[in-house]
Amino acid sequence: MTDAAPAHYELSAAFREDLAAVADALHAGRASTRFDPRILHTAVHLCAVHARLNRSPPEKLVRALKELVREIALEDATEAFRVLYTDRVIAWAIESYYELIER
């Protein structure tokens, strides 16, 4: 899993797959009134852990996740979705990247 060069991991298929999983979870959350936020949390966690294992700088991870949430929120009529999910996703990513989550 750590075969990609740190400078290029953000361009890798593995990183794009992780971002796609986060996007799928965000879309599922918007489409359901019974969405379990643990699905999104897990997707963000895996994305952050993979970024760390591939020595991608955390700021590149945060930038990619913010852009992803912003793109998905364009479909929303209000800023509420973007603000809420940007805050959550970024907090979860930082916690996971630095393993700050209590186990």
PDB file of N, CA and C in Angstrom:
ATOM      1  N   MET A   1       0.817  -1.187   0.000  1.00  0.00           N
ATOM      2  CA  MET A   1       0.000   0.000   0.000  1.00  0.00           C
ATOM      3  C   MET A   1       0.861   1.251   0.000  1.00  0.00           C
ATOM      4  N   THR A   2       2.108   1.162   0.406  1.00  0.00           N
ATOM      5  CA  THR A   2       2.952   2.342   0.482  1.00  0.00           C
ATOM      6  C   THR A   2       3.880   2.457  -0.714  1.00  0.00           C
ATOM      7  N   ASP A   3       3.503   1.883  -1.853  1.00  0.00           N
ATOM      8  CA  ASP A   3       4.383   1.896  -3.009  1.00  0.00           C
ATOM      9  C   ASP A   3       4.332   3.203  -3.780  1.00  0.00           C
ATOM     10  N   ALA A   4       3.325   4.020  -3.601  1.00  0.00           N
ATOM     11  CA  ALA A   4       3.226   5.285  -4.323  1.00  0.00           C
ATOM     12  C   ALA A   4       4.126   6.330  -3.668  1.00  0.00           C
ATOM     13  N   ALA A   5       4.733   7.167  -4.483  1.00  0.00           N
ATOM     14  CA  ALA A   5       5.568   8.244  -3.956  1.00  0.00           C
ATOM     15  C   ALA A   5       4.676   9.267  -3.259  1.00  0.00           C
ATOM     16  N   PRO A   6       5.124   9.841  -2.146  1.00  0.00           N
ATOM     17  CA  PRO A   6       4.292  10.777  -1.404  1.00  0.00           C
ATOM     18  C   PRO A   6       3.773  11.932  -2.259  1.00  0.00           C
ATOM     19  N   ALA A   7       4.593  12.462  -3.140  1.00  0.00           N
ATOM     20  CA  ALA A   7       4.183  13.611  -3.944  1.00  0.00           C
ATOM     21  C   ALA A   7       3.105  13.245  -4.956  1.00  0.00           C
ATOM     22  N   HIS A   8       2.983  11.981  -5.262  1.00  0.00           N
ATOM     23  CA  HIS A   8       2.061  11.571  -6.312  1.00  0.00           C
ATOM     24  C   HIS A   8       0.880  10.744  -5.806  1.00  0.00           C
ATOM     25  N   TYR A   9       0.825  10.460  -4.527  1.00  0.00           N
ATOM     26  CA  TYR A   9      -0.274   9.651  -4.009  1.00  0.00           C
ATOM     27  C   TYR A   9      -1.618  10.302  -4.287  1.00  0.00           C
ATOM     28  N   GLU A  10      -1.687  11.622  -4.213  1.00  0.00           N
ATOM     29  CA  GLU A  10      -2.951  12.334  -4.436  1.00  0.00           C
ATOM     30  C   GLU A  10      -3.457  12.146  -5.867  1.00  0.00           C
ATOM     31  N   LEU A  11      -2.585  11.731  -6.766  1.00  0.00           N
ATOM     32  CA  LEU A  11      -2.966  11.489  -8.163  1.00  0.00           C
ATOM     33  C   LEU A  11      -3.235  10.013  -8.438  1.00  0.00           C
ATOM     34  N   SER A  12      -3.067   9.187  -7.432  1.00  0.00           N
ATOM     35  CA  SER A  12      -3.179   7.742  -7.621  1.00  0.00           C
ATOM     36  C   SER A  12      -4.626   7.259  -7.698  1.00  0.00           C
ATOM     37  N   ALA A  13      -4.786   6.105  -8.310  1.00  0.00           N
ATOM     38  CA  ALA A  13      -6.103   5.471  -8.384  1.00  0.00           C
ATOM     39  C   ALA A  13      -6.606   5.114  -6.990  1.00  0.00           C
ATOM     40  N   ALA A  14      -5.710   4.725  -6.106  1.00  0.00           N
ATOM     41  CA  ALA A  14      -6.115   4.361  -4.741  1.00  0.00           C
ATOM     42  C   ALA A  14      -6.721   5.559  -4.014  1.00  0.00           C
ATOM     43  N   PHE A  15      -6.105   6.730  -4.159  1.00  0.00           N
ATOM     44  CA  PHE A  15      -6.639   7.929  -3.507  1.00  0.00           C
ATOM     45  C   PHE A  15      -7.980   8.315  -4.125  1.00  0.00           C
ATOM     46  N   ARG A  16      -8.083   8.220  -5.434  1.00  0.00           N
ATOM     47  CA  ARG A  16      -9.353   8.528  -6.105  1.00  0.00           C
ATOM     48  C   ARG A  16     -10.452   7.571  -5.649  1.00  0.00           C
ATOM     49  N   GLU A  17     -10.114   6.293  -5.434  1.00  0.00           N
ATOM     50  CA  GLU A  17     -11.097   5.318  -4.944  1.00  0.00           C
ATOM     51  C   GLU A  17     -11.557   5.682  -3.527  1.00  0.00           C
ATOM     52  N   ASP A  18     -10.622   6.094  -2.691  1.00  0.00           N
ATOM     53  CA  ASP A  18     -10.987   6.504  -1.331  1.00  0.00           C
ATOM     54  C   ASP A  18     -11.904   7.727  -1.364  1.00  0.00           C
ATOM     55  N   LEU A  19     -11.570   8.698  -2.215  1.00  0.00           N
ATOM     56  CA  LEU A  19     -12.428   9.883  -2.337  1.00  0.00           C
ATOM     57  C   LEU A  19     -13.797   9.514  -2.898  1.00  0.00           C
ATOM     58  N   ALA A  20     -13.837   8.558  -3.819  1.00  0.00           N
ATOM     59  CA  ALA A  20     -15.121   8.114  -4.374  1.00  0.00           C
ATOM     60  C   ALA A  20     -15.983   7.469  -3.286  1.00  0.00           C
ATOM     61  N   ALA A  21     -15.361   6.730  -2.378  1.00  0.00           N
ATOM     62  CA  ALA A  21     -16.110   6.115  -1.272  1.00  0.00           C
ATOM     63  C   ALA A  21     -16.679   7.193  -0.351  1.00  0.00           C
ATOM     64  N   VAL A  22     -15.906   8.242  -0.102  1.00  0.00           N
ATOM     65  CA  VAL A  22     -16.403   9.351   0.714  1.00  0.00           C
ATOM     66  C   VAL A  22     -17.563  10.041  -0.015  1.00  0.00           C
ATOM     67  N   ALA A  23     -17.406  10.260  -1.312  1.00  0.00           N
ATOM     68  CA  ALA A  23     -18.470  10.894  -2.107  1.00  0.00           C
ATOM     69  C   ALA A  23     -19.736  10.060  -2.085  1.00  0.00           C
ATOM     70  N   ASP A  24     -19.594   8.744  -2.232  1.00  0.00           N
ATOM     71  CA  ASP A  24     -20.762   7.859  -2.196  1.00  0.00           C
ATOM     72  C   ASP A  24     -21.472   7.964  -0.846  1.00  0.00           C
ATOM     73  N   ALA A  25     -20.689   8.011   0.226  1.00  0.00           N
ATOM     74  CA  ALA A  25     -21.283   8.124   1.564  1.00  0.00           C
ATOM     75  C   ALA A  25     -21.979   9.475   1.743  1.00  0.00           C
ATOM     76  N   LEU A  26     -21.385  10.536   1.211  1.00  0.00           N
ATOM     77  CA  LEU A  26     -22.023  11.855   1.285  1.00  0.00           C
ATOM     78  C   LEU A  26     -23.338  11.864   0.510  1.00  0.00           C
ATOM     79  N   HIS A  27     -23.336  11.278  -0.689  1.00  0.00           N
ATOM     80  CA  HIS A  27     -24.564  11.220  -1.480  1.00  0.00           C
ATOM     81  C   HIS A  27     -25.630  10.391  -0.765  1.00  0.00           C
ATOM     82  N   ALA A  28     -25.223   9.271  -0.180  1.00  0.00           N
ATOM     83  CA  ALA A  28     -26.175   8.424   0.540  1.00  0.00           C
ATOM     84  C   ALA A  28     -26.774   9.171   1.727  1.00  0.00           C
ATOM     85  N   GLY A  29     -25.959   9.953   2.395  1.00  0.00           N
ATOM     86  CA  GLY A  29     -26.446  10.725   3.530  1.00  0.00           C
ATOM     87  C   GLY A  29     -27.453  11.773   3.129  1.00  0.00           C
ATOM     88  N   ARG A  30     -27.280  12.351   1.967  1.00  0.00           N
ATOM     89  CA  ARG A  30     -28.213  13.365   1.483  1.00  0.00           C
ATOM     90  C   ARG A  30     -29.515  12.740   1.006  1.00  0.00           C
ATOM     91  N   ALA A  31     -29.437  11.489   0.557  1.00  0.00           N
ATOM     92  CA  ALA A  31     -30.605  10.842  -0.037  1.00  0.00           C
ATOM     93  C   ALA A  31     -31.496  10.135   0.983  1.00  0.00           C
ATOM     94  N   SER A  32     -31.025   9.970   2.208  1.00  0.00           N
ATOM     95  CA  SER A  32     -31.766   9.183   3.190  1.00  0.00           C
ATOM     96  C   SER A  32     -31.995   9.966   4.472  1.00  0.00           C
ATOM     97  N   THR A  33     -33.169   9.783   5.039  1.00  0.00           N
ATOM     98  CA  THR A  33     -33.445  10.374   6.348  1.00  0.00           C
ATOM     99  C   THR A  33     -32.974   9.459   7.470  1.00  0.00           C
ATOM    100  N   ARG A  34     -32.604   8.238   7.128  1.00  0.00           N
ATOM    101  CA  ARG A  34     -32.143   7.255   8.129  1.00  0.00           C
ATOM    102  C   ARG A  34     -30.674   6.893   7.943  1.00  0.00           C
ATOM    103  N   PHE A  35     -29.918   7.799   7.379  1.00  0.00           N
ATOM    104  CA  PHE A  35     -28.513   7.540   7.101  1.00  0.00           C
ATOM    105  C   PHE A  35     -27.726   7.401   8.399  1.00  0.00           C
ATOM    106  N   ASP A  36     -26.862   6.416   8.446  1.00  0.00           N
ATOM    107  CA  ASP A  36     -26.000   6.197   9.593  1.00  0.00           C
ATOM    108  C   ASP A  36     -24.680   6.931   9.350  1.00  0.00           C
ATOM    109  N   PRO A  37     -24.362   7.971  10.107  1.00  0.00           N
ATOM    110  CA  PRO A  37     -23.146   8.750   9.863  1.00  0.00           C
ATOM    111  C   PRO A  37     -21.857   7.945  10.031  1.00  0.00           C
ATOM    112  N   ARG A  38     -21.957   6.777  10.649  1.00  0.00           N
ATOM    113  CA  ARG A  38     -20.762   5.934  10.794  1.00  0.00           C
ATOM    114  C   ARG A  38     -20.254   5.469   9.438  1.00  0.00           C
ATOM    115  N   ILE A  39     -21.143   5.395   8.444  1.00  0.00           N
ATOM    116  CA  ILE A  39     -20.729   5.002   7.095  1.00  0.00           C
ATOM    117  C   ILE A  39     -19.785   6.061   6.525  1.00  0.00           C
ATOM    118  N   LEU A  40     -20.168   7.309   6.655  1.00  0.00           N
ATOM    119  CA  LEU A  40     -19.315   8.401   6.189  1.00  0.00           C
ATOM    120  C   LEU A  40     -18.034   8.463   7.015  1.00  0.00           C
ATOM    121  N   HIS A  41     -18.158   8.317   8.315  1.00  0.00           N
ATOM    122  CA  HIS A  41     -16.990   8.366   9.194  1.00  0.00           C
ATOM    123  C   HIS A  41     -15.979   7.290   8.804  1.00  0.00           C
ATOM    124  N   THR A  42     -16.459   6.094   8.532  1.00  0.00           N
ATOM    125  CA  THR A  42     -15.569   4.995   8.139  1.00  0.00           C
ATOM    126  C   THR A  42     -14.862   5.304   6.824  1.00  0.00           C
ATOM    127  N   ALA A  43     -15.592   5.839   5.861  1.00  0.00           N
ATOM    128  CA  ALA A  43     -14.992   6.173   4.564  1.00  0.00           C
ATOM    129  C   ALA A  43     -13.912   7.248   4.728  1.00  0.00           C
ATOM    130  N   VAL A  44     -14.195   8.257   5.538  1.00  0.00           N
ATOM    131  CA  VAL A  44     -13.214   9.323   5.777  1.00  0.00           C
ATOM    132  C   VAL A  44     -12.006   8.756   6.522  1.00  0.00           C
ATOM    133  N   HIS A  45     -12.267   7.917   7.506  1.00  0.00           N
ATOM    134  CA  HIS A  45     -11.188   7.305   8.281  1.00  0.00           C
ATOM    135  C   HIS A  45     -10.239   6.528   7.370  1.00  0.00           C
ATOM    136  N   LEU A  46     -10.792   5.679   6.517  1.00  0.00           N
ATOM    137  CA  LEU A  46      -9.948   4.886   5.618  1.00  0.00           C
ATOM    138  C   LEU A  46      -9.153   5.773   4.672  1.00  0.00           C
ATOM    139  N   CYS A  47      -9.787   6.800   4.157  1.00  0.00           N
ATOM    140  CA  CYS A  47      -9.113   7.737   3.267  1.00  0.00           C
ATOM    141  C   CYS A  47      -7.924   8.386   3.981  1.00  0.00           C
ATOM    142  N   ALA A  48      -8.117   8.826   5.208  1.00  0.00           N
ATOM    143  CA  ALA A  48      -7.061   9.493   5.969  1.00  0.00           C
ATOM    144  C   ALA A  48      -5.934   8.533   6.345  1.00  0.00           C
ATOM    145  N   VAL A  49      -6.289   7.334   6.754  1.00  0.00           N
ATOM    146  CA  VAL A  49      -5.268   6.348   7.123  1.00  0.00           C
ATOM    147  C   VAL A  49      -4.423   5.980   5.901  1.00  0.00           C
ATOM    148  N   HIS A  50      -5.072   5.771   4.771  1.00  0.00           N
ATOM    149  CA  HIS A  50      -4.325   5.452   3.547  1.00  0.00           C
ATOM    150  C   HIS A  50      -3.412   6.611   3.147  1.00  0.00           C
ATOM    151  N   ALA A  51      -3.888   7.834   3.293  1.00  0.00           N
ATOM    152  CA  ALA A  51      -3.053   8.998   2.979  1.00  0.00           C
ATOM    153  C   ALA A  51      -1.821   9.027   3.891  1.00  0.00           C
ATOM    154  N   ARG A  52      -2.038   8.783   5.180  1.00  0.00           N
ATOM    155  CA  ARG A  52      -0.909   8.775   6.116  1.00  0.00           C
ATOM    156  C   ARG A  52       0.079   7.655   5.784  1.00  0.00           C
ATOM    157  N   LEU A  53      -0.440   6.467   5.508  1.00  0.00           N
ATOM    158  CA  LEU A  53       0.433   5.335   5.197  1.00  0.00           C
ATOM    159  C   LEU A  53       1.257   5.570   3.933  1.00  0.00           C
ATOM    160  N   ASN A  54       0.711   6.366   3.043  1.00  0.00           N
ATOM    161  CA  ASN A  54       1.419   6.681   1.799  1.00  0.00           C
ATOM    162  C   ASN A  54       2.184   8.003   1.899  1.00  0.00           C
ATOM    163  N   ARG A  55       2.322   8.501   3.116  1.00  0.00           N
ATOM    164  CA  ARG A  55       3.105   9.694   3.423  1.00  0.00           C
ATOM    165  C   ARG A  55       2.645  10.930   2.661  1.00  0.00           C
ATOM    166  N   SER A  56       1.349  11.002   2.437  1.00  0.00           N
ATOM    167  CA  SER A  56       0.774  12.198   1.823  1.00  0.00           C
ATOM    168  C   SER A  56       0.609  13.249   2.914  1.00  0.00           C
ATOM    169  N   PRO A  57       1.004  14.473   2.669  1.00  0.00           N
ATOM    170  CA  PRO A  57       0.855  15.509   3.700  1.00  0.00           C
ATOM    171  C   PRO A  57      -0.619  15.728   4.059  1.00  0.00           C
ATOM    172  N   PRO A  58      -0.899  15.960   5.333  1.00  0.00           N
ATOM    173  CA  PRO A  58      -2.298  16.117   5.748  1.00  0.00           C
ATOM    174  C   PRO A  58      -2.998  17.283   5.054  1.00  0.00           C
ATOM    175  N   GLU A  59      -2.258  18.331   4.718  1.00  0.00           N
ATOM    176  CA  GLU A  59      -2.899  19.469   4.062  1.00  0.00           C
ATOM    177  C   GLU A  59      -3.431  19.111   2.674  1.00  0.00           C
ATOM    178  N   LYS A  60      -2.781  18.163   2.003  1.00  0.00           N
ATOM    179  CA  LYS A  60      -3.287  17.723   0.695  1.00  0.00           C
ATOM    180  C   LYS A  60      -4.565  16.905   0.863  1.00  0.00           C
ATOM    181  N   LEU A  61      -4.617  16.099   1.907  1.00  0.00           N
ATOM    182  CA  LEU A  61      -5.827  15.341   2.216  1.00  0.00           C
ATOM    183  C   LEU A  61      -6.976  16.288   2.536  1.00  0.00           C
ATOM    184  N   VAL A  62      -6.724  17.257   3.389  1.00  0.00           N
ATOM    185  CA  VAL A  62      -7.766  18.215   3.781  1.00  0.00           C
ATOM    186  C   VAL A  62      -8.253  18.993   2.568  1.00  0.00           C
ATOM    187  N   ARG A  63      -7.332  19.438   1.730  1.00  0.00           N
ATOM    188  CA  ARG A  63      -7.708  20.197   0.538  1.00  0.00           C
ATOM    189  C   ARG A  63      -8.597  19.361  -0.384  1.00  0.00           C
ATOM    190  N   ALA A  64      -8.241  18.106  -0.591  1.00  0.00           N
ATOM    191  CA  ALA A  64      -9.028  17.225  -1.467  1.00  0.00           C
ATOM    192  C   ALA A  64     -10.415  16.966  -0.895  1.00  0.00           C
ATOM    193  N   LEU A  65     -10.501  16.759   0.411  1.00  0.00           N
ATOM    194  CA  LEU A  65     -11.801  16.504   1.034  1.00  0.00           C
ATOM    195  C   LEU A  65     -12.691  17.745   1.013  1.00  0.00           C
ATOM    196  N   LYS A  66     -12.101  18.914   1.261  1.00  0.00           N
ATOM    197  CA  LYS A  66     -12.884  20.153   1.193  1.00  0.00           C
ATOM    198  C   LYS A  66     -13.436  20.362  -0.216  1.00  0.00           C
ATOM    199  N   GLU A  67     -12.619  20.118  -1.208  1.00  0.00           N
ATOM    200  CA  GLU A  67     -13.063  20.269  -2.595  1.00  0.00           C
ATOM    201  C   GLU A  67     -14.180  19.286  -2.917  1.00  0.00           C
ATOM    202  N   LEU A  68     -14.033  18.062  -2.437  1.00  0.00           N
ATOM    203  CA  LEU A  68     -15.056  17.046  -2.671  1.00  0.00           C
ATOM    204  C   LEU A  68     -16.391  17.455  -2.066  1.00  0.00           C
ATOM    205  N   VAL A  69     -16.382  17.870  -0.809  1.00  0.00           N
ATOM    206  CA  VAL A  69     -17.624  18.281  -0.142  1.00  0.00           C
ATOM    207  C   VAL A  69     -18.221  19.494  -0.857  1.00  0.00           C
ATOM    208  N   ARG A  70     -17.378  20.423  -1.250  1.00  0.00           N
ATOM    209  CA  ARG A  70     -17.858  21.620  -1.953  1.00  0.00           C
ATOM    210  C   ARG A  70     -18.537  21.240  -3.272  1.00  0.00           C
ATOM    211  N   GLU A  71     -17.939  20.317  -4.015  1.00  0.00           N
ATOM    212  CA  GLU A  71     -18.539  19.872  -5.282  1.00  0.00           C
ATOM    213  C   GLU A  71     -19.896  19.211  -5.060  1.00  0.00           C
ATOM    214  N   ILE A  72     -19.994  18.377  -4.062  1.00  0.00           N
ATOM    215  CA  ILE A  72     -21.254  17.687  -3.782  1.00  0.00           C
ATOM    216  C   ILE A  72     -22.291  18.676  -3.274  1.00  0.00           C
ATOM    217  N   ALA A  73     -21.857  19.663  -2.500  1.00  0.00           N
ATOM    218  CA  ALA A  73     -22.785  20.645  -1.941  1.00  0.00           C
ATOM    219  C   ALA A  73     -23.325  21.602  -2.995  1.00  0.00           C
ATOM    220  N   LEU A  74     -22.702  21.673  -4.167  1.00  0.00           N
ATOM    221  CA  LEU A  74     -23.210  22.539  -5.230  1.00  0.00           C
ATOM    222  C   LEU A  74     -24.619  22.137  -5.644  1.00  0.00           C
ATOM    223  N   GLU A  75     -24.937  20.863  -5.438  1.00  0.00           N
ATOM    224  CA  GLU A  75     -26.267  20.364  -5.783  1.00  0.00           C
ATOM    225  C   GLU A  75     -27.315  20.791  -4.757  1.00  0.00           C
ATOM    226  N   ASP A  76     -26.868  21.268  -3.623  1.00  0.00           N
ATOM    227  CA  ASP A  76     -27.762  21.649  -2.536  1.00  0.00           C
ATOM    228  C   ASP A  76     -28.130  23.121  -2.661  1.00  0.00           C
ATOM    229  N   ALA A  77     -29.330  23.446  -2.255  1.00  0.00           N
ATOM    230  CA  ALA A  77     -29.813  24.820  -2.370  1.00  0.00           C
ATOM    231  C   ALA A  77     -29.287  25.724  -1.256  1.00  0.00           C
ATOM    232  N   THR A  78     -28.769  25.140  -0.183  1.00  0.00           N
ATOM    233  CA  THR A  78     -28.308  25.944   0.947  1.00  0.00           C
ATOM    234  C   THR A  78     -26.845  25.658   1.250  1.00  0.00           C
ATOM    235  N   GLU A  79     -26.276  26.504   2.072  1.00  0.00           N
ATOM    236  CA  GLU A  79     -24.895  26.326   2.521  1.00  0.00           C
ATOM    237  C   GLU A  79     -24.809  25.362   3.705  1.00  0.00           C
ATOM    238  N   ALA A  80     -25.940  25.035   4.294  1.00  0.00           N
ATOM    239  CA  ALA A  80     -25.944  24.228   5.514  1.00  0.00           C
ATOM    240  C   ALA A  80     -25.252  22.892   5.319  1.00  0.00           C
ATOM    241  N   PHE A  81     -25.539  22.213   4.219  1.00  0.00           N
ATOM    242  CA  PHE A  81     -24.921  20.916   3.968  1.00  0.00           C
ATOM    243  C   PHE A  81     -23.406  21.056   3.884  1.00  0.00           C
ATOM    244  N   ARG A  82     -22.955  22.034   3.112  1.00  0.00           N
ATOM    245  CA  ARG A  82     -21.519  22.217   2.925  1.00  0.00           C
ATOM    246  C   ARG A  82     -20.822  22.499   4.246  1.00  0.00           C
ATOM    247  N   VAL A  83     -21.367  23.399   5.033  1.00  0.00           N
ATOM    248  CA  VAL A  83     -20.736  23.772   6.297  1.00  0.00           C
ATOM    249  C   VAL A  83     -20.720  22.592   7.266  1.00  0.00           C
ATOM    250  N   LEU A  84     -21.871  21.952   7.429  1.00  0.00           N
ATOM    251  CA  LEU A  84     -21.967  20.828   8.360  1.00  0.00           C
ATOM    252  C   LEU A  84     -21.013  19.702   7.976  1.00  0.00           C
ATOM    253  N   TYR A  85     -21.081  19.296   6.726  1.00  0.00           N
ATOM    254  CA  TYR A  85     -20.265  18.155   6.325  1.00  0.00           C
ATOM    255  C   TYR A  85     -18.800  18.499   6.151  1.00  0.00           C
ATOM    256  N   THR A  86     -18.474  19.712   5.776  1.00  0.00           N
ATOM    257  CA  THR A  86     -17.059  20.084   5.715  1.00  0.00           C
ATOM    258  C   THR A  86     -16.455  19.988   7.103  1.00  0.00           C
ATOM    259  N   ASP A  87     -17.130  20.540   8.088  1.00  0.00           N
ATOM    260  CA  ASP A  87     -16.621  20.495   9.463  1.00  0.00           C
ATOM    261  C   ASP A  87     -16.452  19.054   9.942  1.00  0.00           C
ATOM    262  N   ARG A  88     -17.475  18.248   9.730  1.00  0.00           N
ATOM    263  CA  ARG A  88     -17.403  16.848  10.176  1.00  0.00           C
ATOM    264  C   ARG A  88     -16.304  16.077   9.458  1.00  0.00           C
ATOM    265  N   VAL A  89     -16.302  16.165   8.144  1.00  0.00           N
ATOM    266  CA  VAL A  89     -15.345  15.391   7.348  1.00  0.00           C
ATOM    267  C   VAL A  89     -13.915  15.786   7.690  1.00  0.00           C
ATOM    268  N   ILE A  90     -13.652  17.069   7.809  1.00  0.00           N
ATOM    269  CA  ILE A  90     -12.295  17.514   8.103  1.00  0.00           C
ATOM    270  C   ILE A  90     -11.882  17.099   9.519  1.00  0.00           C
ATOM    271  N   ALA A  91     -12.776  17.229  10.470  1.00  0.00           N
ATOM    272  CA  ALA A  91     -12.453  16.802  11.840  1.00  0.00           C
ATOM    273  C   ALA A  91     -12.145  15.308  11.877  1.00  0.00           C
ATOM    274  N   TRP A  92     -12.976  14.508  11.229  1.00  0.00           N
ATOM    275  CA  TRP A  92     -12.743  13.060  11.205  1.00  0.00           C
ATOM    276  C   TRP A  92     -11.442  12.725  10.486  1.00  0.00           C
ATOM    277  N   ALA A  93     -11.146  13.435   9.418  1.00  0.00           N
ATOM    278  CA  ALA A  93      -9.914  13.169   8.667  1.00  0.00           C
ATOM    279  C   ALA A  93      -8.684  13.465   9.517  1.00  0.00           C
ATOM    280  N   ILE A  94      -8.697  14.595  10.207  1.00  0.00           N
ATOM    281  CA  ILE A  94      -7.552  14.954  11.047  1.00  0.00           C
ATOM    282  C   ILE A  94      -7.399  13.967  12.195  1.00  0.00           C
ATOM    283  N   GLU A  95      -8.518  13.619  12.843  1.00  0.00           N
ATOM    284  CA  GLU A  95      -8.466  12.630  13.924  1.00  0.00           C
ATOM    285  C   GLU A  95      -7.888  11.315  13.429  1.00  0.00           C
ATOM    286  N   SER A  96      -8.321  10.884  12.264  1.00  0.00           N
ATOM    287  CA  SER A  96      -7.870   9.608  11.732  1.00  0.00           C
ATOM    288  C   SER A  96      -6.426   9.671  11.257  1.00  0.00           C
ATOM    289  N   TYR A  97      -6.063  10.767  10.609  1.00  0.00           N
ATOM    290  CA  TYR A  97      -4.697  10.911  10.104  1.00  0.00           C
ATOM    291  C   TYR A  97      -3.702  10.827  11.247  1.00  0.00           C
ATOM    292  N   TYR A  98      -4.018  11.490  12.335  1.00  0.00           N
ATOM    293  CA  TYR A  98      -3.116  11.520  13.484  1.00  0.00           C
ATOM    294  C   TYR A  98      -3.487  10.505  14.558  1.00  0.00           C
ATOM    295  N   GLU A  99      -4.450   9.643  14.249  1.00  0.00           N
ATOM    296  CA  GLU A  99      -4.906   8.606  15.179  1.00  0.00           C
ATOM    297  C   GLU A  99      -5.290   9.193  16.532  1.00  0.00           C
ATOM    298  N   LEU A 100      -6.144  10.215  16.499  1.00  0.00           N
ATOM    299  CA  LEU A 100      -6.585  10.874  17.717  1.00  0.00           C
ATOM    300  C   LEU A 100      -7.882  10.283  18.272  1.00  0.00           C
ATOM    301  N   ILE A 101      -8.444   9.318  17.537  1.00  0.00           N
ATOM    302  CA  ILE A 101      -9.697   8.712  17.956  1.00  0.00           C
ATOM    303  C   ILE A 101      -9.415   7.718  19.085  1.00  0.00           C
ATOM    304  N   GLU A 102     -10.201   7.821  20.140  1.00  0.00           N
ATOM    305  CA  GLU A 102     -10.052   6.860  21.229  1.00  0.00           C
ATOM    306  C   GLU A 102     -10.587   5.516  20.767  1.00  0.00           C
ATOM    307  N   ARG A 103      -9.873   4.495  21.069  1.00  0.00           N
ATOM    308  CA  ARG A 103     -10.283   3.156  20.662  1.00  0.00           C
ATOM    309  C   ARG A 103     -10.696   2.368  21.867  1.00  0.00           C
TER     310      ARG A 103
END
